[in-house]
Amino acid sequence: MFSRFETAIKLTALCLILGLCGWTWFQSQKISSLKAENQAQAQTIQQQENANKSLSLALQQERDAVIEQQERNDEIERIATENAESVKTIIKTQPCAHTRLPQSVLDRLYK
C-alpha cells in the first residue's frame, strides 16, 4: 500500500512538474509575442513622429511662402496706388484736366 501511495505522489509530482513546464513555455511564448508587438508599435510610433516632423516643416514653409506672397502683394498694391496718385496729379496739373474723361477711365482711376 505504501508503494501505491509513493507512486501516486511521484505521478502527481511529475504531472505538476510537466504542468509547470508547459505553463512556463506558454508564458515565454506570450512574452515573445508581446515583445514583437511592442517592437512593431515602437516602429509605427517612430514613423508617425517622422511624418509629423515632415508635415510640420512643410507647414512652416507654406506659412513662410504665404507671408512672403502677402508682402509682395502689399508692395505691388502700394506701388499701384502711388502710380494712380501720380497719374491723378499729372492730369490735374495739365491743361487737359478740364477736359471731361470717359466714365470708364474715371472708374479705373477711383479703384
PDB file of N, CA and C in Angstrom:
ATOM      1  N   MET A   1       0.808  -1.177   0.000  1.00  0.00           N
ATOM      2  CA  MET A   1       0.000   0.000   0.000  1.00  0.00           C
ATOM      3  C   MET A   1       0.867   1.263   0.000  1.00  0.00           C
ATOM      4  N   PHE A   2       1.957   1.183   0.703  1.00  0.00           N
ATOM      5  CA  PHE A   2       2.846   2.328   0.754  1.00  0.00           C
ATOM      6  C   PHE A   2       3.443   2.601  -0.624  1.00  0.00           C
ATOM      7  N   SER A   3       3.694   1.551  -1.400  1.00  0.00           N
ATOM      8  CA  SER A   3       4.275   1.742  -2.718  1.00  0.00           C
ATOM      9  C   SER A   3       3.269   2.391  -3.672  1.00  0.00           C
ATOM     10  N   ARG A   4       1.980   2.099  -3.511  1.00  0.00           N
ATOM     11  CA  ARG A   4       0.963   2.761  -4.344  1.00  0.00           C
ATOM     12  C   ARG A   4       0.886   4.250  -3.992  1.00  0.00           C
ATOM     13  N   PHE A   5       0.964   4.534  -2.749  1.00  0.00           N
ATOM     14  CA  PHE A   5       0.933   5.924  -2.304  1.00  0.00           C
ATOM     15  C   PHE A   5       2.155   6.668  -2.844  1.00  0.00           C
ATOM     16  N   GLU A   6       3.291   6.008  -2.780  1.00  0.00           N
ATOM     17  CA  GLU A   6       4.530   6.592  -3.288  1.00  0.00           C
ATOM     18  C   GLU A   6       4.420   6.822  -4.793  1.00  0.00           C
ATOM     19  N   THR A   7       3.876   5.893  -5.504  1.00  0.00           N
ATOM     20  CA  THR A   7       3.702   6.013  -6.953  1.00  0.00           C
ATOM     21  C   THR A   7       2.739   7.155  -7.272  1.00  0.00           C
ATOM     22  N   ALA A   8       1.683   7.272  -6.509  1.00  0.00           N
ATOM     23  CA  ALA A   8       0.715   8.344  -6.730  1.00  0.00           C
ATOM     24  C   ALA A   8       1.363   9.707  -6.499  1.00  0.00           C
ATOM     25  N   ILE A   9       2.188   9.799  -5.465  1.00  0.00           N
ATOM     26  CA  ILE A   9       2.878  11.063  -5.182  1.00  0.00           C
ATOM     27  C   ILE A   9       3.847  11.385  -6.310  1.00  0.00           C
ATOM     28  N   LYS A  10       4.576  10.356  -6.769  1.00  0.00           N
ATOM     29  CA  LYS A  10       5.527  10.582  -7.866  1.00  0.00           C
ATOM     30  C   LYS A  10       4.801  11.015  -9.138  1.00  0.00           C
ATOM     31  N   LEU A  11       3.678  10.365  -9.449  1.00  0.00           N
ATOM     32  CA  LEU A  11       2.910  10.746 -10.638  1.00  0.00           C
ATOM     33  C   LEU A  11       2.345  12.162 -10.501  1.00  0.00           C
ATOM     34  N   THR A  12       1.883  12.471  -9.304  1.00  0.00           N
ATOM     35  CA  THR A  12       1.366  13.821  -9.063  1.00  0.00           C
ATOM     36  C   THR A  12       2.477  14.851  -9.220  1.00  0.00           C
ATOM     37  N   ALA A  13       3.650  14.548  -8.654  1.00  0.00           N
ATOM     38  CA  ALA A  13       4.789  15.459  -8.775  1.00  0.00           C
ATOM     39  C   ALA A  13       5.194  15.603 -10.232  1.00  0.00           C
ATOM     40  N   LEU A  14       5.208  14.488 -10.971  1.00  0.00           N
ATOM     41  CA  LEU A  14       5.571  14.521 -12.387  1.00  0.00           C
ATOM     42  C   LEU A  14       4.565  15.363 -13.174  1.00  0.00           C
ATOM     43  N   CYS A  15       3.284  15.166 -12.916  1.00  0.00           N
ATOM     44  CA  CYS A  15       2.244  15.962 -13.592  1.00  0.00           C
ATOM     45  C   CYS A  15       2.387  17.438 -13.247  1.00  0.00           C
ATOM     46  N   LEU A  16       2.679  17.707 -11.993  1.00  0.00           N
ATOM     47  CA  LEU A  16       2.856  19.088 -11.558  1.00  0.00           C
ATOM     48  C   LEU A  16       4.055  19.717 -12.253  1.00  0.00           C
ATOM     49  N   ILE A  17       5.161  18.977 -12.321  1.00  0.00           N
ATOM     50  CA  ILE A  17       6.369  19.486 -12.983  1.00  0.00           C
ATOM     51  C   ILE A  17       6.098  19.715 -14.465  1.00  0.00           C
ATOM     52  N   LEU A  18       5.464  18.747 -15.126  1.00  0.00           N
ATOM     53  CA  LEU A  18       5.149  18.904 -16.550  1.00  0.00           C
ATOM     54  C   LEU A  18       4.174  20.065 -16.773  1.00  0.00           C
ATOM     55  N   GLY A  19       3.223  20.203 -15.892  1.00  0.00           N
ATOM     56  CA  GLY A  19       2.275  21.319 -15.992  1.00  0.00           C
ATOM     57  C   GLY A  19       2.971  22.658 -15.849  1.00  0.00           C
ATOM     58  N   LEU A  20       3.890  22.738 -14.880  1.00  0.00           N
ATOM     59  CA  LEU A  20       4.638  23.985 -14.694  1.00  0.00           C
ATOM     60  C   LEU A  20       5.534  24.275 -15.891  1.00  0.00           C
ATOM     61  N   CYS A  21       6.133  23.216 -16.450  1.00  0.00           N
ATOM     62  CA  CYS A  21       6.966  23.402 -17.648  1.00  0.00           C
ATOM     63  C   CYS A  21       6.116  23.921 -18.809  1.00  0.00           C
ATOM     64  N   GLY A  22       4.941  23.345 -18.993  1.00  0.00           N
ATOM     65  CA  GLY A  22       4.033  23.803 -20.051  1.00  0.00           C
ATOM     66  C   GLY A  22       3.591  25.237 -19.833  1.00  0.00           C
ATOM     67  N   TRP A  23       3.254  25.549 -18.596  1.00  0.00           N
ATOM     68  CA  TRP A  23       2.829  26.911 -18.280  1.00  0.00           C
ATOM     69  C   TRP A  23       3.970  27.902 -18.526  1.00  0.00           C
ATOM     70  N   THR A  24       5.201  27.517 -18.136  1.00  0.00           N
ATOM     71  CA  THR A  24       6.374  28.365 -18.352  1.00  0.00           C
ATOM     72  C   THR A  24       6.606  28.575 -19.848  1.00  0.00           C
ATOM     73  N   TRP A  25       6.488  27.491 -20.627  1.00  0.00           N
ATOM     74  CA  TRP A  25       6.680  27.614 -22.078  1.00  0.00           C
ATOM     75  C   TRP A  25       5.624  28.547 -22.676  1.00  0.00           C
ATOM     76  N   PHE A  26       4.363  28.392 -22.256  1.00  0.00           N
ATOM     77  CA  PHE A  26       3.281  29.248 -22.749  1.00  0.00           C
ATOM     78  C   PHE A  26       3.556  30.712 -22.411  1.00  0.00           C
ATOM     79  N   GLN A  27       3.974  30.968 -21.175  1.00  0.00           N
ATOM     80  CA  GLN A  27       4.261  32.344 -20.764  1.00  0.00           C
ATOM     81  C   GLN A  27       5.428  32.920 -21.559  1.00  0.00           C
ATOM     82  N   SER A  28       6.432  32.083 -21.820  1.00  0.00           N
ATOM     83  CA  SER A  28       7.576  32.522 -22.617  1.00  0.00           C
ATOM     84  C   SER A  28       7.133  32.921 -24.022  1.00  0.00           C
ATOM     85  N   GLN A  29       6.262  32.112 -24.619  1.00  0.00           N
ATOM     86  CA  GLN A  29       5.745  32.420 -25.954  1.00  0.00           C
ATOM     87  C   GLN A  29       4.920  33.710 -25.930  1.00  0.00           C
ATOM     88  N   LYS A  30       4.146  33.879 -24.900  1.00  0.00           N
ATOM     89  CA  LYS A  30       3.318  35.080 -24.770  1.00  0.00           C
ATOM     90  C   LYS A  30       4.201  36.318 -24.633  1.00  0.00           C
ATOM     91  N   ILE A  31       5.261  36.209 -23.836  1.00  0.00           N
ATOM     92  CA  ILE A  31       6.192  37.330 -23.655  1.00  0.00           C
ATOM     93  C   ILE A  31       6.862  37.671 -24.978  1.00  0.00           C
ATOM     94  N   SER A  32       7.286  36.651 -25.717  1.00  0.00           N
ATOM     95  CA  SER A  32       7.917  36.889 -27.022  1.00  0.00           C
ATOM     96  C   SER A  32       6.947  37.579 -27.976  1.00  0.00           C
ATOM     97  N   SER A  33       5.706  37.138 -27.960  1.00  0.00           N
ATOM     98  CA  SER A  33       4.684  37.741 -28.814  1.00  0.00           C
ATOM     99  C   SER A  33       4.461  39.203 -28.441  1.00  0.00           C
ATOM    100  N   LEU A  34       4.397  39.484 -27.158  1.00  0.00           N
ATOM    101  CA  LEU A  34       4.191  40.859 -26.701  1.00  0.00           C
ATOM    102  C   LEU A  34       5.393  41.742 -27.033  1.00  0.00           C
ATOM    103  N   LYS A  35       6.597  41.173 -26.933  1.00  0.00           N
ATOM    104  CA  LYS A  35       7.794  41.934 -27.295  1.00  0.00           C
ATOM    105  C   LYS A  35       7.768  42.294 -28.776  1.00  0.00           C
ATOM    106  N   ALA A  36       7.378  41.343 -29.621  1.00  0.00           N
ATOM    107  CA  ALA A  36       7.300  41.603 -31.063  1.00  0.00           C
ATOM    108  C   ALA A  36       6.252  42.680 -31.361  1.00  0.00           C
ATOM    109  N   GLU A  37       5.114  42.588 -30.690  1.00  0.00           N
ATOM    110  CA  GLU A  37       4.062  43.590 -30.884  1.00  0.00           C
ATOM    111  C   GLU A  37       4.539  44.959 -30.416  1.00  0.00           C
ATOM    112  N   ASN A  38       5.226  44.991 -29.290  1.00  0.00           N
ATOM    113  CA  ASN A  38       5.762  46.235 -28.757  1.00  0.00           C
ATOM    114  C   ASN A  38       6.760  46.847 -29.736  1.00  0.00           C
ATOM    115  N   GLN A  39       7.610  46.019 -30.310  1.00  0.00           N
ATOM    116  CA  GLN A  39       8.600  46.485 -31.284  1.00  0.00           C
ATOM    117  C   GLN A  39       7.902  47.084 -32.512  1.00  0.00           C
ATOM    118  N   ALA A  40       6.875  46.405 -32.990  1.00  0.00           N
ATOM    119  CA  ALA A  40       6.131  46.906 -34.154  1.00  0.00           C
ATOM    120  C   ALA A  40       5.469  48.245 -33.836  1.00  0.00           C
ATOM    121  N   GLN A  41       4.908  48.361 -32.644  1.00  0.00           N
ATOM    122  CA  GLN A  41       4.274  49.619 -32.253  1.00  0.00           C
ATOM    123  C   GLN A  41       5.307  50.733 -32.120  1.00  0.00           C
ATOM    124  N   ALA A  42       6.479  50.405 -31.602  1.00  0.00           N
ATOM    125  CA  ALA A  42       7.538  51.406 -31.472  1.00  0.00           C
ATOM    126  C   ALA A  42       7.968  51.903 -32.855  1.00  0.00           C
ATOM    127  N   GLN A  43       8.065  50.993 -33.813  1.00  0.00           N
ATOM    128  CA  GLN A  43       8.428  51.398 -35.168  1.00  0.00           C
ATOM    129  C   GLN A  43       7.339  52.277 -35.783  1.00  0.00           C
ATOM    130  N   THR A  44       6.093  51.918 -35.558  1.00  0.00           N
ATOM    131  CA  THR A  44       4.986  52.718 -36.077  1.00  0.00           C
ATOM    132  C   THR A  44       4.999  54.114 -35.467  1.00  0.00           C
ATOM    133  N   ILE A  45       5.235  54.181 -34.177  1.00  0.00           N
ATOM    134  CA  ILE A  45       5.297  55.481 -33.498  1.00  0.00           C
ATOM    135  C   ILE A  45       6.434  56.320 -34.068  1.00  0.00           C
ATOM    136  N   GLN A  46       7.586  55.704 -34.289  1.00  0.00           N
ATOM    137  CA  GLN A  46       8.730  56.430 -34.843  1.00  0.00           C
ATOM    138  C   GLN A  46       8.408  56.942 -36.247  1.00  0.00           C
ATOM    139  N   GLN A  47       7.773  56.115 -37.054  1.00  0.00           N
ATOM    140  CA  GLN A  47       7.400  56.538 -38.405  1.00  0.00           C
ATOM    141  C   GLN A  47       6.411  57.699 -38.359  1.00  0.00           C
ATOM    142  N   GLN A  48       5.472  57.636 -37.435  1.00  0.00           N
ATOM    143  CA  GLN A  48       4.495  58.720 -37.308  1.00  0.00           C
ATOM    144  C   GLN A  48       5.160  60.004 -36.823  1.00  0.00           C
ATOM    145  N   GLU A  49       6.118  59.884 -35.921  1.00  0.00           N
ATOM    146  CA  GLU A  49       6.843  61.070 -35.460  1.00  0.00           C
ATOM    147  C   GLU A  49       7.615  61.697 -36.609  1.00  0.00           C
ATOM    148  N   ASN A  50       8.251  60.860 -37.432  1.00  0.00           N
ATOM    149  CA  ASN A  50       8.986  61.375 -38.587  1.00  0.00           C
ATOM    150  C   ASN A  50       8.040  62.056 -39.573  1.00  0.00           C
ATOM    151  N   ALA A  51       6.890  61.447 -39.800  1.00  0.00           N
ATOM    152  CA  ALA A  51       5.903  62.048 -40.702  1.00  0.00           C
ATOM    153  C   ALA A  51       5.408  63.376 -40.138  1.00  0.00           C
ATOM    154  N   ASN A  52       5.177  63.433 -38.829  1.00  0.00           N
ATOM    155  CA  ASN A  52       4.730  64.682 -38.200  1.00  0.00           C
ATOM    156  C   ASN A  52       5.781  65.775 -38.341  1.00  0.00           C
ATOM    157  N   LYS A  53       7.054  65.411 -38.178  1.00  0.00           N
ATOM    158  CA  LYS A  53       8.124  66.398 -38.342  1.00  0.00           C
ATOM    159  C   LYS A  53       8.145  66.925 -39.768  1.00  0.00           C
ATOM    160  N   SER A  54       8.001  66.024 -40.736  1.00  0.00           N
ATOM    161  CA  SER A  54       7.987  66.441 -42.142  1.00  0.00           C
ATOM    162  C   SER A  54       6.804  67.359 -42.423  1.00  0.00           C
ATOM    163  N   LEU A  55       5.650  66.992 -41.892  1.00  0.00           N
ATOM    164  CA  LEU A  55       4.461  67.815 -42.110  1.00  0.00           C
ATOM    165  C   LEU A  55       4.590  69.175 -41.427  1.00  0.00           C
ATOM    166  N   SER A  56       5.185  69.198 -40.248  1.00  0.00           N
ATOM    167  CA  SER A  56       5.386  70.471 -39.549  1.00  0.00           C
ATOM    168  C   SER A  56       6.327  71.373 -40.338  1.00  0.00           C
ATOM    169  N   LEU A  57       7.385  70.780 -40.882  1.00  0.00           N
ATOM    170  CA  LEU A  57       8.328  71.548 -41.691  1.00  0.00           C
ATOM    171  C   LEU A  57       7.638  72.081 -42.944  1.00  0.00           C
ATOM    172  N   ALA A  58       6.860  71.236 -43.604  1.00  0.00           N
ATOM    173  CA  ALA A  58       6.141  71.669 -44.802  1.00  0.00           C
ATOM    174  C   ALA A  58       5.144  72.777 -44.469  1.00  0.00           C
ATOM    175  N   LEU A  59       4.465  72.649 -43.341  1.00  0.00           N
ATOM    176  CA  LEU A  59       3.509  73.672 -42.918  1.00  0.00           C
ATOM    177  C   LEU A  59       4.213  75.001 -42.673  1.00  0.00           C
ATOM    178  N   GLN A  60       5.361  74.961 -42.015  1.00  0.00           N
ATOM    179  CA  GLN A  60       6.101  76.195 -41.751  1.00  0.00           C
ATOM    180  C   GLN A  60       6.570  76.829 -43.057  1.00  0.00           C
ATOM    181  N   GLN A  61       7.013  76.005 -44.002  1.00  0.00           N
ATOM    182  CA  GLN A  61       7.432  76.529 -45.301  1.00  0.00           C
ATOM    183  C   GLN A  61       6.253  77.168 -46.025  1.00  0.00           C
ATOM    184  N   GLU A  62       5.092  76.546 -45.937  1.00  0.00           N
ATOM    185  CA  GLU A  62       3.889  77.112 -46.555  1.00  0.00           C
ATOM    186  C   GLU A  62       3.534  78.449 -45.908  1.00  0.00           C
ATOM    187  N   ARG A  63       3.619  78.512 -44.588  1.00  0.00           N
ATOM    188  CA  ARG A  63       3.321  79.770 -43.891  1.00  0.00           C
ATOM    189  C   ARG A  63       4.281  80.864 -44.338  1.00  0.00           C
ATOM    190  N   ASP A  64       5.569  80.521 -44.400  1.00  0.00           N
ATOM    191  CA  ASP A  64       6.566  81.496 -44.830  1.00  0.00           C
ATOM    192  C   ASP A  64       6.287  81.968 -46.254  1.00  0.00           C
ATOM    193  N   ALA A  65       5.911  81.025 -47.124  1.00  0.00           N
ATOM    194  CA  ALA A  65       5.612  81.382 -48.512  1.00  0.00           C
ATOM    195  C   ALA A  65       4.390  82.296 -48.591  1.00  0.00           C
ATOM    196  N   VAL A  66       3.377  82.021 -47.778  1.00  0.00           N
ATOM    197  CA  VAL A  66       2.169  82.861 -47.773  1.00  0.00           C
ATOM    198  C   VAL A  66       2.507  84.263 -47.280  1.00  0.00           C
ATOM    199  N   ILE A  67       3.302  84.350 -46.226  1.00  0.00           N
ATOM    200  CA  ILE A  67       3.688  85.663 -45.698  1.00  0.00           C
ATOM    201  C   ILE A  67       4.484  86.439 -46.740  1.00  0.00           C
ATOM    202  N   GLU A  68       5.413  85.757 -47.390  1.00  0.00           N
ATOM    203  CA  GLU A  68       6.222  86.404 -48.425  1.00  0.00           C
ATOM    204  C   GLU A  68       5.335  86.886 -49.576  1.00  0.00           C
ATOM    205  N   GLN A  69       4.389  86.066 -49.985  1.00  0.00           N
ATOM    206  CA  GLN A  69       3.481  86.452 -51.071  1.00  0.00           C
ATOM    207  C   GLN A  69       2.609  87.631 -50.659  1.00  0.00           C
ATOM    208  N   GLN A  70       2.157  87.649 -49.406  1.00  0.00           N
ATOM    209  CA  GLN A  70       1.356  88.778 -48.928  1.00  0.00           C
ATOM    210  C   GLN A  70       2.173  90.068 -48.951  1.00  0.00           C
ATOM    211  N   GLU A  71       3.448  89.964 -48.566  1.00  0.00           N
ATOM    212  CA  GLU A  71       4.312  91.142 -48.596  1.00  0.00           C
ATOM    213  C   GLU A  71       4.487  91.640 -50.024  1.00  0.00           C
ATOM    214  N   ARG A  72       4.670  90.710 -50.958  1.00  0.00           N
ATOM    215  CA  ARG A  72       4.792  91.103 -52.370  1.00  0.00           C
ATOM    216  C   ARG A  72       3.503  91.769 -52.850  1.00  0.00           C
ATOM    217  N   ASN A  73       2.374  91.174 -52.506  1.00  0.00           N
ATOM    218  CA  ASN A  73       1.091  91.751 -52.917  1.00  0.00           C
ATOM    219  C   ASN A  73       0.900  93.150 -52.336  1.00  0.00           C
ATOM    220  N   ASP A  74       1.261  93.324 -51.071  1.00  0.00           N
ATOM    221  CA  ASP A  74       1.145  94.639 -50.438  1.00  0.00           C
ATOM    222  C   ASP A  74       2.034  95.659 -51.145  1.00  0.00           C
ATOM    223  N   GLU A  75       3.241  95.250 -51.504  1.00  0.00           N
ATOM    224  CA  GLU A  75       4.172  96.145 -52.196  1.00  0.00           C
ATOM    225  C   GLU A  75       3.631  96.517 -53.575  1.00  0.00           C
ATOM    226  N   ILE A  76       3.106  95.527 -54.290  1.00  0.00           N
ATOM    227  CA  ILE A  76       2.535  95.800 -55.616  1.00  0.00           C
ATOM    228  C   ILE A  76       1.338  96.739 -55.491  1.00  0.00           C
ATOM    229  N   GLU A  77       0.503  96.509 -54.497  1.00  0.00           N
ATOM    230  CA  GLU A  77      -0.662  97.372 -54.294  1.00  0.00           C
ATOM    231  C   GLU A  77      -0.230  98.785 -53.933  1.00  0.00           C
ATOM    232  N   ARG A  78       0.806  98.911 -53.103  1.00  0.00           N
ATOM    233  CA  ARG A  78       1.308 100.238 -52.724  1.00  0.00           C
ATOM    234  C   ARG A  78       1.838 100.977 -53.952  1.00  0.00           C
ATOM    235  N   ILE A  79       2.607 100.283 -54.783  1.00  0.00           N
ATOM    236  CA  ILE A  79       3.158 100.904 -55.992  1.00  0.00           C
ATOM    237  C   ILE A  79       2.032 101.304 -56.945  1.00  0.00           C
ATOM    238  N   ALA A  80       1.035 100.438 -57.084  1.00  0.00           N
ATOM    239  CA  ALA A  80      -0.090 100.756 -57.965  1.00  0.00           C
ATOM    240  C   ALA A  80      -0.844 101.983 -57.460  1.00  0.00           C
ATOM    241  N   THR A  81      -1.026 102.081 -56.154  1.00  0.00           N
ATOM    242  CA  THR A  81      -1.706 103.243 -55.578  1.00  0.00           C
ATOM    243  C   THR A  81      -0.890 104.508 -55.813  1.00  0.00           C
ATOM    244  N   GLU A  82       0.422 104.422 -55.619  1.00  0.00           N
ATOM    245  CA  GLU A  82       1.293 105.578 -55.862  1.00  0.00           C
ATOM    246  C   GLU A  82       1.224 106.000 -57.324  1.00  0.00           C
ATOM    247  N   ASN A  83       1.253 105.027 -58.222  1.00  0.00           N
ATOM    248  CA  ASN A  83       1.182 105.344 -59.650  1.00  0.00           C
ATOM    249  C   ASN A  83      -0.153 105.995 -60.001  1.00  0.00           C
ATOM    250  N   ALA A  84      -1.219 105.487 -59.427  1.00  0.00           N
ATOM    251  CA  ALA A  84      -2.532 106.084 -59.691  1.00  0.00           C
ATOM    252  C   ALA A  84      -2.578 107.517 -59.180  1.00  0.00           C
ATOM    253  N   GLU A  85      -2.006 107.746 -57.999  1.00  0.00           N
ATOM    254  CA  GLU A  85      -1.963 109.107 -57.458  1.00  0.00           C
ATOM    255  C   GLU A  85      -1.106 110.007 -58.339  1.00  0.00           C
ATOM    256  N   SER A  86       0.001 109.474 -58.853  1.00  0.00           N
ATOM    257  CA  SER A  86       0.858 110.259 -59.748  1.00  0.00           C
ATOM    258  C   SER A  86       0.100 110.645 -61.007  1.00  0.00           C
ATOM    259  N   VAL A  87      -0.632 109.696 -61.555  1.00  0.00           N
ATOM    260  CA  VAL A  87      -1.413 109.987 -62.760  1.00  0.00           C
ATOM    261  C   VAL A  87      -2.461 111.053 -62.459  1.00  0.00           C
ATOM    262  N   LYS A  88      -3.119 110.938 -61.327  1.00  0.00           N
ATOM    263  CA  LYS A  88      -4.124 111.940 -60.952  1.00  0.00           C
ATOM    264  C   LYS A  88      -3.482 113.321 -60.836  1.00  0.00           C
ATOM    265  N   THR A  89      -2.304 113.369 -60.198  1.00  0.00           N
ATOM    266  CA  THR A  89      -1.609 114.642 -60.013  1.00  0.00           C
ATOM    267  C   THR A  89      -1.196 115.225 -61.356  1.00  0.00           C
ATOM    268  N   ILE A  90      -0.651 114.393 -62.226  1.00  0.00           N
ATOM    269  CA  ILE A  90      -0.222 114.863 -63.549  1.00  0.00           C
ATOM    270  C   ILE A  90      -1.419 115.373 -64.340  1.00  0.00           C
ATOM    271  N   ILE A  91      -2.489 114.633 -64.296  1.00  0.00           N
ATOM    272  CA  ILE A  91      -3.676 115.044 -65.048  1.00  0.00           C
ATOM    273  C   ILE A  91      -4.217 116.368 -64.519  1.00  0.00           C
ATOM    274  N   LYS A  92      -4.195 116.550 -63.210  1.00  0.00           N
ATOM    275  CA  LYS A  92      -4.716 117.790 -62.628  1.00  0.00           C
ATOM    276  C   LYS A  92      -3.857 118.992 -63.007  1.00  0.00           C
ATOM    277  N   THR A  93      -2.553 118.791 -63.170  1.00  0.00           N
ATOM    278  CA  THR A  93      -1.667 119.919 -63.479  1.00  0.00           C
ATOM    279  C   THR A  93      -1.609 120.222 -64.969  1.00  0.00           C
ATOM    280  N   GLN A  94      -2.097 119.382 -65.800  1.00  0.00           N
ATOM    281  CA  GLN A  94      -2.072 119.583 -67.249  1.00  0.00           C
ATOM    282  C   GLN A  94      -3.345 120.301 -67.699  1.00  0.00           C
ATOM    283  N   PRO A  95      -3.259 120.951 -68.840  1.00  0.00           N
ATOM    284  CA  PRO A  95      -4.445 121.646 -69.345  1.00  0.00           C
ATOM    285  C   PRO A  95      -5.602 120.691 -69.644  1.00  0.00           C
ATOM    286  N   CYS A  96      -5.285 119.452 -69.865  1.00  0.00           N
ATOM    287  CA  CYS A  96      -6.360 118.503 -70.157  1.00  0.00           C
ATOM    288  C   CYS A  96      -7.179 118.181 -68.913  1.00  0.00           C
ATOM    289  N   ALA A  97      -6.799 118.740 -67.779  1.00  0.00           N
ATOM    290  CA  ALA A  97      -7.512 118.473 -66.537  1.00  0.00           C
ATOM    291  C   ALA A  97      -8.947 118.973 -66.604  1.00  0.00           C
ATOM    292  N   HIS A  98      -9.179 119.928 -67.450  1.00  0.00           N
ATOM    293  CA  HIS A  98     -10.520 120.495 -67.539  1.00  0.00           C
ATOM    294  C   HIS A  98     -11.363 119.790 -68.597  1.00  0.00           C
ATOM    295  N   THR A  99     -10.776 118.798 -69.242  1.00  0.00           N
ATOM    296  CA  THR A  99     -11.497 118.026 -70.251  1.00  0.00           C
ATOM    297  C   THR A  99     -12.166 116.844 -69.562  1.00  0.00           C
ATOM    298  N   ARG A 100     -13.387 116.613 -69.938  1.00  0.00           N
ATOM    299  CA  ARG A 100     -14.134 115.505 -69.319  1.00  0.00           C
ATOM    300  C   ARG A 100     -13.595 114.180 -69.830  1.00  0.00           C
ATOM    301  N   LEU A 101     -13.287 113.279 -68.864  1.00  0.00           N
ATOM    302  CA  LEU A 101     -12.799 111.941 -69.215  1.00  0.00           C
ATOM    303  C   LEU A 101     -13.975 110.983 -69.364  1.00  0.00           C
ATOM    304  N   PRO A 102     -13.782 109.957 -70.145  1.00  0.00           N
ATOM    305  CA  PRO A 102     -14.834 108.938 -70.242  1.00  0.00           C
ATOM    306  C   PRO A 102     -15.047 108.272 -68.875  1.00  0.00           C
ATOM    307  N   GLN A 103     -16.261 107.817 -68.658  1.00  0.00           N
ATOM    308  CA  GLN A 103     -16.618 107.223 -67.362  1.00  0.00           C
ATOM    309  C   GLN A 103     -15.748 106.008 -67.034  1.00  0.00           C
ATOM    310  N   SER A 104     -15.403 105.200 -68.026  1.00  0.00           N
ATOM    311  CA  SER A 104     -14.578 104.011 -67.773  1.00  0.00           C
ATOM    312  C   SER A 104     -13.207 104.401 -67.234  1.00  0.00           C
ATOM    313  N   VAL A 105     -12.658 105.498 -67.738  1.00  0.00           N
ATOM    314  CA  VAL A 105     -11.359 105.970 -67.243  1.00  0.00           C
ATOM    315  C   VAL A 105     -11.502 106.453 -65.810  1.00  0.00           C
ATOM    316  N   LEU A 106     -12.566 107.184 -65.532  1.00  0.00           N
ATOM    317  CA  LEU A 106     -12.788 107.662 -64.162  1.00  0.00           C
ATOM    318  C   LEU A 106     -12.953 106.495 -63.185  1.00  0.00           C
ATOM    319  N   ASP A 107     -13.697 105.499 -63.607  1.00  0.00           N
ATOM    320  CA  ASP A 107     -13.877 104.325 -62.745  1.00  0.00           C
ATOM    321  C   ASP A 107     -12.537 103.663 -62.457  1.00  0.00           C
ATOM    322  N   ARG A 108     -11.714 103.578 -63.454  1.00  0.00           N
ATOM    323  CA  ARG A 108     -10.394 102.941 -63.301  1.00  0.00           C
ATOM    324  C   ARG A 108      -9.519 103.736 -62.332  1.00  0.00           C
ATOM    325  N   LEU A 109      -9.579 105.058 -62.403  1.00  0.00           N
ATOM    326  CA  LEU A 109      -8.759 105.899 -61.527  1.00  0.00           C
ATOM    327  C   LEU A 109      -9.226 105.846 -60.076  1.00  0.00           C
ATOM    328  N   TYR A 110     -10.502 105.651 -59.854  1.00  0.00           N
ATOM    329  CA  TYR A 110     -11.014 105.618 -58.487  1.00  0.00           C
ATOM    330  C   TYR A 110     -10.727 104.306 -57.782  1.00  0.00           C
ATOM    331  N   LYS A 111     -10.364 103.291 -58.515  1.00  0.00           N
ATOM    332  CA  LYS A 111     -10.109 101.987 -57.885  1.00  0.00           C
ATOM    333  C   LYS A 111      -8.825 101.974 -57.131  1.00  0.00           C
TER     334      LYS A 111
END
